[in-house]
Amino acid sequence: MNILQAALVRGIFWFIRLIPVRLAGAIGAGLGRLGFYLIKRRRCIAECNLARIYPERDRRWRHRIARESFAEMGRTILETPHVFLRSKAFLQSRTQVEGEDELLAAKAQGKGAFLTFYHHSNWEMCGMAYSTFVSDLHCIYRPLKQPSLEHFVKQCRERFGVSMHPRQEGLHWLLKALKQGHSICVLLDQHLSGGMPVPFLGHLATTTTLPAIFVSKHDTPVFAVALHRIGKAFRFRLQFWRIDMPAMTGDKNADIYRIMHCIGKSFEPVINQRPEMWLWSHQRWKLLEEHYKEITEVVYGTP
């Protein structure tokens, strides 16, 4: 059954690949808006998240942003077959790159770099666009449960030289990759059980501490990466910028907290500029909902 399901998905991907990408994105956006009204649980999560982060905005604004966030997710899903199956030249022709010189200069120092990504705009295109220019990217990810489908998706993601590392693989490869000057991609906007509570958009959310551990031990440079959609078309601006790290104090836990705080804070202006581009339907602040219900607001810098 898994093989048949994977074959069906492959067939659907190839069919959508034949549809003009602008049309596929428009259809996906329409389906996303429909999903906003049909999937009540995710709609409620999105609107609650927006009410938490933007209490000063009226309900109509938050409703519109939540709906358009679903539209962006639908647009991303139906654009993914083009991201996975179109040529390198096609993807490069749809992407402007900004800040790559600073990234390459930092990597030339022989310490590699961490690239921090978020579920913003077309997140599949974000990693793929980078790999069309530089083929030294390593990504840590959660594999799909269906082996046949996982093989297809992993093959698509790795076709330009990216190395995908399942979480179960461990991190024995990571230090060697950094010493070779490679880039490590880390998604930072997912709830992580057992992660460190760090303010994000002004409220505590658990996050991985992986980049901070290597910054504190090896002074590894960290860059934020944002893929800005130009209008609603399949055209993007891929932006890199180095995140300035706080001075180390010698207190390991405090340093890691402050580093992760700086990393998270660096992406907040991108979300605030076009909030509909971010994935609001994810329970990013699940920590507060489950364990700290009495906390309604967290000031930056407060543990």
C-alpha atoms as a PDB file:
ATOM      1  CA  MET A   1       0.000   0.000   0.000  1.00  0.00           C
ATOM      2  CA  ASN A   2       2.833   2.409   0.837  1.00  0.00           C
ATOM      3  CA  ILE A   3       4.400   1.755  -2.574  1.00  0.00           C
ATOM      4  CA  LEU A   4       1.080   2.461  -4.310  1.00  0.00           C
ATOM      5  CA  GLN A   5       0.629   5.665  -2.311  1.00  0.00           C
ATOM      6  CA  ALA A   6       4.140   6.811  -3.183  1.00  0.00           C
ATOM      7  CA  ALA A   7       3.532   6.034  -6.861  1.00  0.00           C
ATOM      8  CA  LEU A   8       0.303   8.062  -6.730  1.00  0.00           C
ATOM      9  CA  VAL A   9       2.105  11.027  -5.175  1.00  0.00           C
ATOM     10  CA  ARG A  10       4.823  10.829  -7.820  1.00  0.00           C
ATOM     11  CA  GLY A  11       2.159  10.832 -10.526  1.00  0.00           C
ATOM     12  CA  ILE A  12       0.423  13.847  -8.999  1.00  0.00           C
ATOM     13  CA  PHE A  13       3.749  15.691  -8.732  1.00  0.00           C
ATOM     14  CA  TRP A  14       4.549  15.080 -12.386  1.00  0.00           C
ATOM     15  CA  PHE A  15       1.035  16.146 -13.412  1.00  0.00           C
ATOM     16  CA  ILE A  16       1.290  19.423 -11.446  1.00  0.00           C
ATOM     17  CA  ARG A  17       4.761  19.905 -12.936  1.00  0.00           C
ATOM     18  CA  LEU A  18       3.055  20.199 -16.338  1.00  0.00           C
ATOM     19  CA  ILE A  19       0.806  23.034 -15.117  1.00  0.00           C
ATOM     20  CA  PRO A  20       2.316  26.547 -15.415  1.00  0.00           C
ATOM     21  CA  VAL A  21       3.819  27.381 -12.036  1.00  0.00           C
ATOM     22  CA  ARG A  22       1.886  30.646 -11.668  1.00  0.00           C
ATOM     23  CA  LEU A  23      -1.386  28.802 -12.274  1.00  0.00           C
ATOM     24  CA  ALA A  24      -0.414  25.984  -9.895  1.00  0.00           C
ATOM     25  CA  GLY A  25       0.347  28.567  -7.205  1.00  0.00           C
ATOM     26  CA  ALA A  26      -2.969  30.341  -7.767  1.00  0.00           C
ATOM     27  CA  ILE A  27      -4.886  27.061  -7.505  1.00  0.00           C
ATOM     28  CA  GLY A  28      -2.956  26.206  -4.347  1.00  0.00           C
ATOM     29  CA  ALA A  29      -3.765  29.599  -2.814  1.00  0.00           C
ATOM     30  CA  GLY A  30      -7.454  29.062  -3.528  1.00  0.00           C
ATOM     31  CA  LEU A  31      -7.360  25.612  -1.943  1.00  0.00           C
ATOM     32  CA  GLY A  32      -5.505  27.053   1.033  1.00  0.00           C
ATOM     33  CA  ARG A  33      -8.227  29.666   1.583  1.00  0.00           C
ATOM     34  CA  LEU A  34     -10.834  26.921   1.337  1.00  0.00           C
ATOM     35  CA  GLY A  35      -8.879  24.889   3.891  1.00  0.00           C
ATOM     36  CA  PHE A  36      -8.906  27.894   6.222  1.00  0.00           C
ATOM     37  CA  TYR A  37     -12.679  27.628   6.491  1.00  0.00           C
ATOM     38  CA  LEU A  38     -12.852  23.824   6.510  1.00  0.00           C
ATOM     39  CA  ILE A  39     -10.028  22.948   8.945  1.00  0.00           C
ATOM     40  CA  LYS A  40     -11.400  24.512  12.115  1.00  0.00           C
ATOM     41  CA  ARG A  41      -8.652  23.355  14.495  1.00  0.00           C
ATOM     42  CA  ARG A  42      -5.817  24.844  12.441  1.00  0.00           C
ATOM     43  CA  ARG A  43      -7.803  28.017  11.815  1.00  0.00           C
ATOM     44  CA  CYS A  44      -8.278  28.448  15.563  1.00  0.00           C
ATOM     45  CA  ILE A  45      -4.558  27.883  16.206  1.00  0.00           C
ATOM     46  CA  ALA A  46      -3.632  30.502  13.608  1.00  0.00           C
ATOM     47  CA  GLU A  47      -6.060  33.093  14.923  1.00  0.00           C
ATOM     48  CA  CYS A  48      -5.051  32.458  18.554  1.00  0.00           C
ATOM     49  CA  ASN A  49      -1.368  32.839  17.622  1.00  0.00           C
ATOM     50  CA  LEU A  50      -2.078  36.112  15.841  1.00  0.00           C
ATOM     51  CA  ALA A  51      -4.125  37.396  18.787  1.00  0.00           C
ATOM     52  CA  ARG A  52      -1.180  36.578  21.071  1.00  0.00           C
ATOM     53  CA  ILE A  53       1.415  38.367  18.921  1.00  0.00           C
ATOM     54  CA  TYR A  54      -0.686  41.259  17.580  1.00  0.00           C
ATOM     55  CA  PRO A  55      -3.234  42.078  20.314  1.00  0.00           C
ATOM     56  CA  GLU A  56      -3.346  45.685  19.138  1.00  0.00           C
ATOM     57  CA  ARG A  57      -4.723  44.716  15.693  1.00  0.00           C
ATOM     58  CA  ASP A  58      -8.435  44.258  15.182  1.00  0.00           C
ATOM     59  CA  ARG A  59     -10.121  40.886  14.640  1.00  0.00           C
ATOM     60  CA  ARG A  60     -10.756  41.555  10.958  1.00  0.00           C
ATOM     61  CA  TRP A  61      -7.018  42.122  10.312  1.00  0.00           C
ATOM     62  CA  ARG A  62      -6.043  38.939  12.177  1.00  0.00           C
ATOM     63  CA  HIS A  63      -8.712  36.956  10.302  1.00  0.00           C
ATOM     64  CA  ARG A  64      -7.348  38.195   6.964  1.00  0.00           C
ATOM     65  CA  ILE A  65      -3.719  37.450   7.880  1.00  0.00           C
ATOM     66  CA  ALA A  66      -4.645  33.947   9.071  1.00  0.00           C
ATOM     67  CA  ARG A  67      -6.584  33.267   5.862  1.00  0.00           C
ATOM     68  CA  GLU A  68      -3.745  34.522   3.666  1.00  0.00           C
ATOM     69  CA  SER A  69      -1.261  32.427   5.655  1.00  0.00           C
ATOM     70  CA  PHE A  70      -3.323  29.381   4.662  1.00  0.00           C
ATOM     71  CA  ALA A  71      -3.285  30.665   1.080  1.00  0.00           C
ATOM     72  CA  GLU A  72       0.513  30.906   1.184  1.00  0.00           C
ATOM     73  CA  MET A  73       0.744  27.378   2.554  1.00  0.00           C
ATOM     74  CA  GLY A  74      -1.505  26.101  -0.254  1.00  0.00           C
ATOM     75  CA  ARG A  75       0.523  28.061  -2.814  1.00  0.00           C
ATOM     76  CA  THR A  76       3.725  26.527  -1.430  1.00  0.00           C
ATOM     77  CA  ILE A  77       2.323  22.979  -1.567  1.00  0.00           C
ATOM     78  CA  LEU A  78       1.277  23.216  -5.213  1.00  0.00           C
ATOM     79  CA  GLU A  79       4.528  24.935  -6.168  1.00  0.00           C
ATOM     80  CA  THR A  80       6.555  22.141  -4.566  1.00  0.00           C
ATOM     81  CA  PRO A  81       6.375  19.806  -7.614  1.00  0.00           C
ATOM     82  CA  HIS A  82       8.018  22.592  -9.634  1.00  0.00           C
ATOM     83  CA  VAL A  83      10.640  23.100  -6.907  1.00  0.00           C
ATOM     84  CA  PHE A  84      11.364  19.362  -6.799  1.00  0.00           C
ATOM     85  CA  LEU A  85      11.268  18.600 -10.534  1.00  0.00           C
ATOM     86  CA  ARG A  86      12.226  21.719 -12.518  1.00  0.00           C
ATOM     87  CA  SER A  87      15.782  22.377 -13.679  1.00  0.00           C
ATOM     88  CA  LYS A  88      18.474  24.225 -11.769  1.00  0.00           C
ATOM     89  CA  ALA A  89      18.507  26.931 -14.444  1.00  0.00           C
ATOM     90  CA  PHE A  90      14.749  27.484 -14.056  1.00  0.00           C
ATOM     91  CA  LEU A  91      14.955  27.841 -10.266  1.00  0.00           C
ATOM     92  CA  GLN A  92      17.953  30.187 -10.510  1.00  0.00           C
ATOM     93  CA  SER A  93      16.065  32.346 -13.014  1.00  0.00           C
ATOM     94  CA  ARG A  94      13.327  32.867 -10.410  1.00  0.00           C
ATOM     95  CA  THR A  95      15.632  33.796  -7.530  1.00  0.00           C
ATOM     96  CA  GLN A  96      17.601  36.930  -6.674  1.00  0.00           C
ATOM     97  CA  VAL A  97      20.347  36.366  -4.097  1.00  0.00           C
ATOM     98  CA  GLU A  98      21.371  39.004  -1.554  1.00  0.00           C
ATOM     99  CA  GLY A  99      24.140  38.793   1.047  1.00  0.00           C
ATOM    100  CA  GLU A 100      25.897  35.701  -0.326  1.00  0.00           C
ATOM    101  CA  ASP A 101      29.302  37.455  -0.411  1.00  0.00           C
ATOM    102  CA  GLU A 102      29.283  37.924   3.360  1.00  0.00           C
ATOM    103  CA  LEU A 103      28.271  34.292   3.837  1.00  0.00           C
ATOM    104  CA  LEU A 104      31.014  32.970   1.549  1.00  0.00           C
ATOM    105  CA  ALA A 105      33.600  35.194   3.261  1.00  0.00           C
ATOM    106  CA  ALA A 106      32.602  33.851   6.677  1.00  0.00           C
ATOM    107  CA  LYS A 107      32.757  30.261   5.468  1.00  0.00           C
ATOM    108  CA  ALA A 108      36.204  30.855   3.993  1.00  0.00           C
ATOM    109  CA  GLN A 109      37.527  31.125   7.548  1.00  0.00           C
ATOM    110  CA  GLY A 110      37.183  27.345   7.822  1.00  0.00           C
ATOM    111  CA  LYS A 111      34.512  27.221  10.521  1.00  0.00           C
ATOM    112  CA  GLY A 112      31.534  26.585   8.269  1.00  0.00           C
ATOM    113  CA  ALA A 113      28.262  28.296   9.133  1.00  0.00           C
ATOM    114  CA  PHE A 114      24.835  27.661  10.579  1.00  0.00           C
ATOM    115  CA  LEU A 115      21.949  28.827   8.416  1.00  0.00           C
ATOM    116  CA  THR A 116      18.747  29.405  10.366  1.00  0.00           C
ATOM    117  CA  PHE A 117      15.561  28.972   8.366  1.00  0.00           C
ATOM    118  CA  TYR A 118      11.890  29.479   9.199  1.00  0.00           C
ATOM    119  CA  HIS A 119       8.582  28.342   7.675  1.00  0.00           C
ATOM    120  CA  HIS A 120       8.309  31.599   5.803  1.00  0.00           C
ATOM    121  CA  SER A 121       7.123  31.930   2.199  1.00  0.00           C
ATOM    122  CA  ASN A 122       7.944  28.785   0.153  1.00  0.00           C
ATOM    123  CA  TRP A 123      10.231  26.995   2.614  1.00  0.00           C
ATOM    124  CA  GLU A 124      11.006  24.137   0.202  1.00  0.00           C
ATOM    125  CA  MET A 125      12.209  26.667  -2.357  1.00  0.00           C
ATOM    126  CA  CYS A 126      14.363  28.342   0.303  1.00  0.00           C
ATOM    127  CA  GLY A 127      16.679  25.360   0.761  1.00  0.00           C
ATOM    128  CA  MET A 128      16.542  24.353  -2.891  1.00  0.00           C
ATOM    129  CA  ALA A 129      17.410  27.862  -4.081  1.00  0.00           C
ATOM    130  CA  TYR A 130      20.529  27.902  -1.891  1.00  0.00           C
ATOM    131  CA  SER A 131      21.608  24.507  -3.211  1.00  0.00           C
ATOM    132  CA  THR A 132      21.437  25.740  -6.812  1.00  0.00           C
ATOM    133  CA  PHE A 133      24.248  28.192  -6.030  1.00  0.00           C
ATOM    134  CA  VAL A 134      26.327  26.297  -3.449  1.00  0.00           C
ATOM    135  CA  SER A 135      26.222  22.512  -3.029  1.00  0.00           C
ATOM    136  CA  ASP A 136      27.574  22.137   0.517  1.00  0.00           C
ATOM    137  CA  LEU A 137      24.349  22.358   2.496  1.00  0.00           C
ATOM    138  CA  HIS A 138      23.480  19.845   5.228  1.00  0.00           C
ATOM    139  CA  CYS A 139      19.924  19.739   6.580  1.00  0.00           C
ATOM    140  CA  ILE A 140      18.642  18.013   9.707  1.00  0.00           C
ATOM    141  CA  TYR A 141      15.059  16.904   9.186  1.00  0.00           C
ATOM    142  CA  ARG A 142      12.251  14.621  10.339  1.00  0.00           C
ATOM    143  CA  PRO A 143      11.736  11.860   7.736  1.00  0.00           C
ATOM    144  CA  LEU A 144       8.307  10.842   6.475  1.00  0.00           C
ATOM    145  CA  LYS A 145       6.779   7.709   7.936  1.00  0.00           C
ATOM    146  CA  GLN A 146       6.165   6.049   4.541  1.00  0.00           C
ATOM    147  CA  PRO A 147       9.546   4.687   3.321  1.00  0.00           C
ATOM    148  CA  SER A 148       8.719   4.807  -0.409  1.00  0.00           C
ATOM    149  CA  LEU A 149       7.440   8.373  -0.235  1.00  0.00           C
ATOM    150  CA  GLU A 150      10.367   9.390   1.978  1.00  0.00           C
ATOM    151  CA  HIS A 151      12.808   8.035  -0.620  1.00  0.00           C
ATOM    152  CA  PHE A 152      11.177  10.126  -3.368  1.00  0.00           C
ATOM    153  CA  VAL A 153      11.089  13.354  -1.336  1.00  0.00           C
ATOM    154  CA  LYS A 154      14.657  12.918  -0.074  1.00  0.00           C
ATOM    155  CA  GLN A 155      15.883  12.240  -3.608  1.00  0.00           C
ATOM    156  CA  CYS A 156      14.228  15.453  -4.836  1.00  0.00           C
ATOM    157  CA  ARG A 157      15.696  17.540  -2.031  1.00  0.00           C
ATOM    158  CA  GLU A 158      19.207  16.172  -2.561  1.00  0.00           C
ATOM    159  CA  ARG A 159      19.344  16.455  -6.367  1.00  0.00           C
ATOM    160  CA  PHE A 160      21.565  19.588  -6.345  1.00  0.00           C
ATOM    161  CA  GLY A 161      23.993  18.340  -3.718  1.00  0.00           C
ATOM    162  CA  VAL A 162      22.197  18.902  -0.400  1.00  0.00           C
ATOM    163  CA  SER A 163      22.847  16.238   2.254  1.00  0.00           C
ATOM    164  CA  MET A 164      19.697  15.388   4.231  1.00  0.00           C
ATOM    165  CA  HIS A 165      20.306  13.973   7.719  1.00  0.00           C
ATOM    166  CA  PRO A 166      17.390  12.353   9.591  1.00  0.00           C
ATOM    167  CA  ARG A 167      17.189  13.232  13.263  1.00  0.00           C
ATOM    168  CA  GLN A 168      17.709   9.571  14.152  1.00  0.00           C
ATOM    169  CA  GLU A 169      21.145   9.683  12.515  1.00  0.00           C
ATOM    170  CA  GLY A 170      22.634  11.713  15.339  1.00  0.00           C
ATOM    171  CA  LEU A 171      25.179  14.522  14.985  1.00  0.00           C
ATOM    172  CA  HIS A 172      28.492  12.667  14.620  1.00  0.00           C
ATOM    173  CA  TRP A 173      28.900  14.115  11.110  1.00  0.00           C
ATOM    174  CA  LEU A 174      28.256  17.760  12.031  1.00  0.00           C
ATOM    175  CA  LEU A 175      31.621  18.937  13.379  1.00  0.00           C
ATOM    176  CA  LYS A 176      33.462  17.396  10.428  1.00  0.00           C
ATOM    177  CA  ALA A 177      31.119  19.171   7.993  1.00  0.00           C
ATOM    178  CA  LEU A 178      31.734  22.526   9.715  1.00  0.00           C
ATOM    179  CA  LYS A 179      35.517  22.026   9.630  1.00  0.00           C
ATOM    180  CA  GLN A 180      35.197  21.418   5.881  1.00  0.00           C
ATOM    181  CA  GLY A 181      33.533  24.826   5.560  1.00  0.00           C
ATOM    182  CA  HIS A 182      30.043  23.466   4.901  1.00  0.00           C
ATOM    183  CA  SER A 183      26.701  25.017   5.864  1.00  0.00           C
ATOM    184  CA  ILE A 184      24.272  23.482   8.359  1.00  0.00           C
ATOM    185  CA  CYS A 185      20.599  24.277   7.910  1.00  0.00           C
ATOM    186  CA  VAL A 186      18.431  24.382  11.047  1.00  0.00           C
ATOM    187  CA  LEU A 187      14.691  25.137  11.186  1.00  0.00           C
ATOM    188  CA  LEU A 188      13.999  27.145  14.326  1.00  0.00           C
ATOM    189  CA  ASP A 189      10.265  27.877  14.365  1.00  0.00           C
ATOM    190  CA  GLN A 190       8.888  24.490  15.424  1.00  0.00           C
ATOM    191  CA  HIS A 191       7.818  23.556  18.945  1.00  0.00           C
ATOM    192  CA  LEU A 192      10.446  21.239  20.392  1.00  0.00           C
ATOM    193  CA  SER A 193       9.539  19.160  23.425  1.00  0.00           C
ATOM    194  CA  GLY A 194      12.439  19.386  25.833  1.00  0.00           C
ATOM    195  CA  GLY A 195      13.893  22.422  24.063  1.00  0.00           C
ATOM    196  CA  MET A 196      14.996  25.607  25.798  1.00  0.00           C
ATOM    197  CA  PRO A 197      12.263  28.203  26.457  1.00  0.00           C
ATOM    198  CA  VAL A 198      13.338  31.354  24.626  1.00  0.00           C
ATOM    199  CA  PRO A 199      11.232  34.409  23.694  1.00  0.00           C
ATOM    200  CA  PHE A 200      10.090  34.465  20.079  1.00  0.00           C
ATOM    201  CA  LEU A 201       7.958  37.374  18.913  1.00  0.00           C
ATOM    202  CA  GLY A 202       7.767  38.385  22.565  1.00  0.00           C
ATOM    203  CA  HIS A 203       6.530  35.087  24.044  1.00  0.00           C
ATOM    204  CA  LEU A 204       8.281  31.988  25.339  1.00  0.00           C
ATOM    205  CA  ALA A 205       8.625  29.112  22.888  1.00  0.00           C
ATOM    206  CA  THR A 206      10.810  26.024  23.133  1.00  0.00           C
ATOM    207  CA  THR A 207      13.595  25.776  20.581  1.00  0.00           C
ATOM    208  CA  THR A 208      16.693  23.775  19.743  1.00  0.00           C
ATOM    209  CA  THR A 209      19.983  25.019  21.160  1.00  0.00           C
ATOM    210  CA  LEU A 210      22.173  23.363  18.504  1.00  0.00           C
ATOM    211  CA  PRO A 211      23.572  26.544  16.875  1.00  0.00           C
ATOM    212  CA  ALA A 212      24.272  28.145  20.258  1.00  0.00           C
ATOM    213  CA  ILE A 213      26.294  25.149  21.457  1.00  0.00           C
ATOM    214  CA  PHE A 214      28.656  25.439  18.483  1.00  0.00           C
ATOM    215  CA  VAL A 215      28.848  29.230  18.720  1.00  0.00           C
ATOM    216  CA  SER A 216      29.882  29.045  22.376  1.00  0.00           C
ATOM    217  CA  LYS A 217      32.435  26.265  21.788  1.00  0.00           C
ATOM    218  CA  HIS A 218      33.790  26.958  18.291  1.00  0.00           C
ATOM    219  CA  ASP A 219      32.724  30.534  17.444  1.00  0.00           C
ATOM    220  CA  THR A 220      30.787  29.205  14.436  1.00  0.00           C
ATOM    221  CA  PRO A 221      29.196  32.030  12.413  1.00  0.00           C
ATOM    222  CA  VAL A 222      25.388  32.035  12.250  1.00  0.00           C
ATOM    223  CA  PHE A 223      23.359  33.497   9.400  1.00  0.00           C
ATOM    224  CA  ALA A 224      19.642  34.068   9.101  1.00  0.00           C
ATOM    225  CA  VAL A 225      18.073  33.118   5.778  1.00  0.00           C
ATOM    226  CA  ALA A 226      14.830  34.550   4.445  1.00  0.00           C
ATOM    227  CA  LEU A 227      13.097  33.821   1.171  1.00  0.00           C
ATOM    228  CA  HIS A 228      10.976  36.843   0.244  1.00  0.00           C
ATOM    229  CA  ARG A 229       8.219  36.203  -2.271  1.00  0.00           C
ATOM    230  CA  ILE A 230       7.954  39.005  -4.818  1.00  0.00           C
ATOM    231  CA  GLY A 231       4.253  39.795  -4.938  1.00  0.00           C
ATOM    232  CA  LYS A 232       2.341  36.538  -5.328  1.00  0.00           C
ATOM    233  CA  ALA A 233       4.383  35.176  -8.213  1.00  0.00           C
ATOM    234  CA  PHE A 234       6.901  32.339  -8.271  1.00  0.00           C
ATOM    235  CA  ARG A 235       9.731  34.843  -7.962  1.00  0.00           C
ATOM    236  CA  PHE A 236      11.844  35.288  -4.862  1.00  0.00           C
ATOM    237  CA  ARG A 237      14.622  37.211  -3.160  1.00  0.00           C
ATOM    238  CA  LEU A 238      16.894  34.934  -1.139  1.00  0.00           C
ATOM    239  CA  GLN A 239      18.502  37.006   1.625  1.00  0.00           C
ATOM    240  CA  PHE A 240      21.381  36.120   3.965  1.00  0.00           C
ATOM    241  CA  TRP A 241      22.531  38.236   6.881  1.00  0.00           C
ATOM    242  CA  ARG A 242      24.974  37.503   9.671  1.00  0.00           C
ATOM    243  CA  ILE A 243      23.564  37.510  13.184  1.00  0.00           C
ATOM    244  CA  ASP A 244      25.686  39.396  15.714  1.00  0.00           C
ATOM    245  CA  MET A 245      26.326  37.238  18.752  1.00  0.00           C
ATOM    246  CA  PRO A 246      26.378  38.539  22.366  1.00  0.00           C
ATOM    247  CA  ALA A 247      29.627  38.496  24.324  1.00  0.00           C
ATOM    248  CA  MET A 248      30.220  35.231  26.162  1.00  0.00           C
ATOM    249  CA  THR A 249      30.019  35.415  29.964  1.00  0.00           C
ATOM    250  CA  GLY A 250      31.294  31.946  30.867  1.00  0.00           C
ATOM    251  CA  ASP A 251      27.882  30.888  32.173  1.00  0.00           C
ATOM    252  CA  LYS A 252      27.061  28.098  29.704  1.00  0.00           C
ATOM    253  CA  ASN A 253      23.278  28.055  30.073  1.00  0.00           C
ATOM    254  CA  ALA A 254      22.971  31.836  30.136  1.00  0.00           C
ATOM    255  CA  ASP A 255      25.171  32.178  27.035  1.00  0.00           C
ATOM    256  CA  ILE A 256      23.176  29.573  25.116  1.00  0.00           C
ATOM    257  CA  TYR A 257      19.929  31.304  26.076  1.00  0.00           C
ATOM    258  CA  ARG A 258      21.190  34.714  24.956  1.00  0.00           C
ATOM    259  CA  ILE A 259      22.542  33.331  21.674  1.00  0.00           C
ATOM    260  CA  MET A 260      19.235  31.636  20.811  1.00  0.00           C
ATOM    261  CA  HIS A 261      17.395  34.792  21.803  1.00  0.00           C
ATOM    262  CA  CYS A 262      19.506  36.836  19.358  1.00  0.00           C
ATOM    263  CA  ILE A 263      18.960  34.288  16.602  1.00  0.00           C
ATOM    264  CA  GLY A 264      15.195  34.254  17.040  1.00  0.00           C
ATOM    265  CA  LYS A 265      14.946  38.011  17.356  1.00  0.00           C
ATOM    266  CA  SER A 266      16.865  38.528  14.108  1.00  0.00           C
ATOM    267  CA  PHE A 267      14.019  37.045  12.052  1.00  0.00           C
ATOM    268  CA  GLU A 268      11.166  38.877  13.732  1.00  0.00           C
ATOM    269  CA  PRO A 269      11.282  41.962  11.437  1.00  0.00           C
ATOM    270  CA  VAL A 270      10.826  39.644   8.432  1.00  0.00           C
ATOM    271  CA  ILE A 271       7.657  38.171   9.932  1.00  0.00           C
ATOM    272  CA  ASN A 272       6.341  41.562  11.008  1.00  0.00           C
ATOM    273  CA  GLN A 273       6.876  42.999   7.530  1.00  0.00           C
ATOM    274  CA  ARG A 274       4.631  40.403   5.832  1.00  0.00           C
ATOM    275  CA  PRO A 275       3.010  38.285   8.550  1.00  0.00           C
ATOM    276  CA  GLU A 276       0.849  36.386   6.064  1.00  0.00           C
ATOM    277  CA  MET A 277       3.997  34.692   4.744  1.00  0.00           C
ATOM    278  CA  TRP A 278       4.607  32.809   8.009  1.00  0.00           C
ATOM    279  CA  LEU A 279       3.031  29.508   9.113  1.00  0.00           C
ATOM    280  CA  TRP A 280       0.666  30.668  11.869  1.00  0.00           C
ATOM    281  CA  SER A 281      -1.250  27.362  12.003  1.00  0.00           C
ATOM    282  CA  HIS A 282       1.592  25.652  13.900  1.00  0.00           C
ATOM    283  CA  GLN A 283       1.472  25.523  17.719  1.00  0.00           C
ATOM    284  CA  ARG A 284       4.672  27.514  18.126  1.00  0.00           C
ATOM    285  CA  TRP A 285       3.772  28.606  21.669  1.00  0.00           C
ATOM    286  CA  LYS A 286       2.586  25.204  22.851  1.00  0.00           C
ATOM    287  CA  LEU A 287       4.805  25.613  25.908  1.00  0.00           C
ATOM    288  CA  LEU A 288       2.640  28.463  27.197  1.00  0.00           C
ATOM    289  CA  GLU A 289      -0.590  26.657  26.399  1.00  0.00           C
ATOM    290  CA  GLU A 290       0.441  23.504  28.246  1.00  0.00           C
ATOM    291  CA  HIS A 291       2.612  24.617  31.158  1.00  0.00           C
ATOM    292  CA  TYR A 292       2.513  28.351  31.664  1.00  0.00           C
ATOM    293  CA  LYS A 293      -1.096  29.352  31.159  1.00  0.00           C
ATOM    294  CA  GLU A 294      -0.696  32.131  33.726  1.00  0.00           C
ATOM    295  CA  ILE A 295       1.900  33.812  31.478  1.00  0.00           C
ATOM    296  CA  THR A 296       0.253  36.183  29.015  1.00  0.00           C
ATOM    297  CA  GLU A 297       3.203  38.318  28.035  1.00  0.00           C
ATOM    298  CA  VAL A 298       6.993  37.961  28.238  1.00  0.00           C
ATOM    299  CA  VAL A 299       9.362  40.904  28.019  1.00  0.00           C
ATOM    300  CA  TYR A 300      12.458  40.335  25.887  1.00  0.00           C
ATOM    301  CA  GLY A 301      15.411  39.130  27.877  1.00  0.00           C
ATOM    302  CA  THR A 302      13.333  37.601  30.688  1.00  0.00           C
ATOM    303  CA  PRO A 303      14.119  33.891  31.168  1.00  0.00           C
END
